Amino acid sequence: MERLIRIIMEATGFNRDEIQPDMDLRRDLSIRSSRLPIIMDAAERQFGITIELEDFIGVRTVKDIAQRISKVIARQEVPACSRPSRL
């Protein structure tokens, strides 16, 4: 969570004490859809993952983003041989 908060700080200019997990991205942090790709890109680099836009659909809070990133990390850690093949 702390690494994600650092990413949000860089993307928004907020200080650490101004960002809490339950804060609404739009209402509390004024993060618009144009800023989300910046956060996604930084998270990809920070966590060594690939995030699809669909992974972030419906996120509302900082905690939502953290949970989605955790799911992406878990999904990408599954060995390729045990994943269902995509056609």
Protein backbone atom coordinates (compact mmCIF):
# COMPACT_ATOMS: atom_id res chain seq x y z
CA MET A 1 0.00 0.00 0.00
CA GLU A 2 2.78 2.41 0.88
CA ARG A 3 4.44 2.08 -2.53
CA LEU A 4 1.10 2.79 -4.20
CA ILE A 5 0.57 5.85 -2.03
CA ARG A 6 4.01 7.12 -3.10
CA ILE A 7 2.97 6.70 -6.74
CA ILE A 8 -0.24 8.65 -6.10
CA MET A 9 1.76 11.36 -4.33
CA GLU A 10 3.98 11.76 -7.39
CA ALA A 11 1.00 11.81 -9.77
CA THR A 12 -1.06 14.28 -7.76
CA GLY A 13 1.30 16.40 -5.69
CA PHE A 14 -0.46 15.45 -2.45
CA ASN A 15 1.61 14.91 0.70
CA ARG A 16 1.71 11.52 2.41
CA ASP A 17 -0.49 12.60 5.31
CA GLU A 18 -3.16 13.76 2.84
CA ILE A 19 -3.70 10.29 1.34
CA GLN A 20 -5.60 7.53 3.14
CA PRO A 21 -6.66 4.08 1.82
CA ASP A 22 -10.39 4.79 1.95
CA MET A 23 -10.20 8.10 0.08
CA ASP A 24 -12.26 8.42 -3.07
CA LEU A 25 -10.00 8.99 -6.06
CA ARG A 26 -12.28 11.53 -7.73
CA ARG A 27 -13.97 13.24 -4.82
CA ASP A 28 -11.14 13.33 -2.26
CA LEU A 29 -8.01 13.32 -4.43
CA SER A 30 -9.36 14.95 -7.61
CA ILE A 31 -7.87 12.17 -9.74
CA ARG A 32 -9.56 12.23 -13.12
CA SER A 33 -9.50 9.51 -15.73
CA SER A 34 -6.63 11.29 -17.50
CA ARG A 35 -4.38 10.75 -14.43
CA LEU A 36 -5.20 7.07 -14.02
CA PRO A 37 -2.95 5.90 -16.89
CA ILE A 38 -0.05 7.75 -15.26
CA ILE A 39 -0.69 5.89 -12.02
CA MET A 40 -1.08 2.59 -13.90
CA ASP A 41 2.20 3.11 -15.77
CA ALA A 42 4.09 3.94 -12.58
CA ALA A 43 2.56 0.90 -10.82
CA GLU A 44 3.65 -1.35 -13.68
CA ARG A 45 7.23 -0.14 -13.31
CA GLN A 46 7.18 -0.21 -9.51
CA PHE A 47 5.70 -3.70 -9.19
CA GLY A 48 7.07 -5.28 -12.39
CA ILE A 49 3.62 -6.15 -13.74
CA THR A 50 1.47 -5.48 -16.77
CA ILE A 51 -1.85 -3.81 -16.03
CA GLU A 52 -4.70 -3.88 -18.51
CA LEU A 53 -7.16 -0.99 -18.53
CA GLU A 54 -9.89 -3.47 -17.62
CA ASP A 55 -8.06 -4.19 -14.35
CA PHE A 56 -8.83 -0.66 -13.16
CA ILE A 57 -12.44 -0.36 -14.31
CA GLY A 58 -14.64 0.50 -11.37
CA VAL A 59 -11.92 1.47 -8.90
CA ARG A 60 -13.08 4.20 -6.55
CA THR A 61 -10.60 4.32 -3.68
CA VAL A 62 -6.88 4.05 -3.05
CA LYS A 63 -7.60 0.69 -1.39
CA ASP A 64 -9.44 -0.48 -4.54
CA ILE A 65 -6.33 0.21 -6.63
CA ALA A 66 -4.14 -1.65 -4.12
CA GLN A 67 -6.48 -4.66 -4.23
CA ARG A 68 -6.53 -4.69 -8.03
CA ILE A 69 -2.73 -4.48 -8.17
CA SER A 70 -2.53 -7.41 -5.72
CA LYS A 71 -4.82 -9.44 -7.99
CA VAL A 72 -2.71 -8.61 -11.05
CA ILE A 73 0.47 -9.59 -9.20
CA ALA A 74 -1.10 -12.89 -8.09
CA ARG A 75 -2.40 -13.59 -11.59
CA GLN A 76 0.96 -12.90 -13.19
CA GLU A 77 2.83 -15.03 -10.65
CA VAL A 78 0.89 -18.15 -11.73
CA PRO A 79 3.24 -20.27 -13.87
CA ALA A 80 2.40 -20.05 -17.55
CA CYS A 81 1.93 -23.83 -17.81
CA SER A 82 -0.96 -23.76 -15.28
CA ARG A 83 -2.80 -20.83 -16.87
CA PRO A 84 -5.66 -21.53 -19.27
CA SER A 85 -4.53 -20.90 -22.82
CA ARG A 86 -5.96 -17.87 -24.64
CA LEU A 87 -7.10 -18.35 -28.18
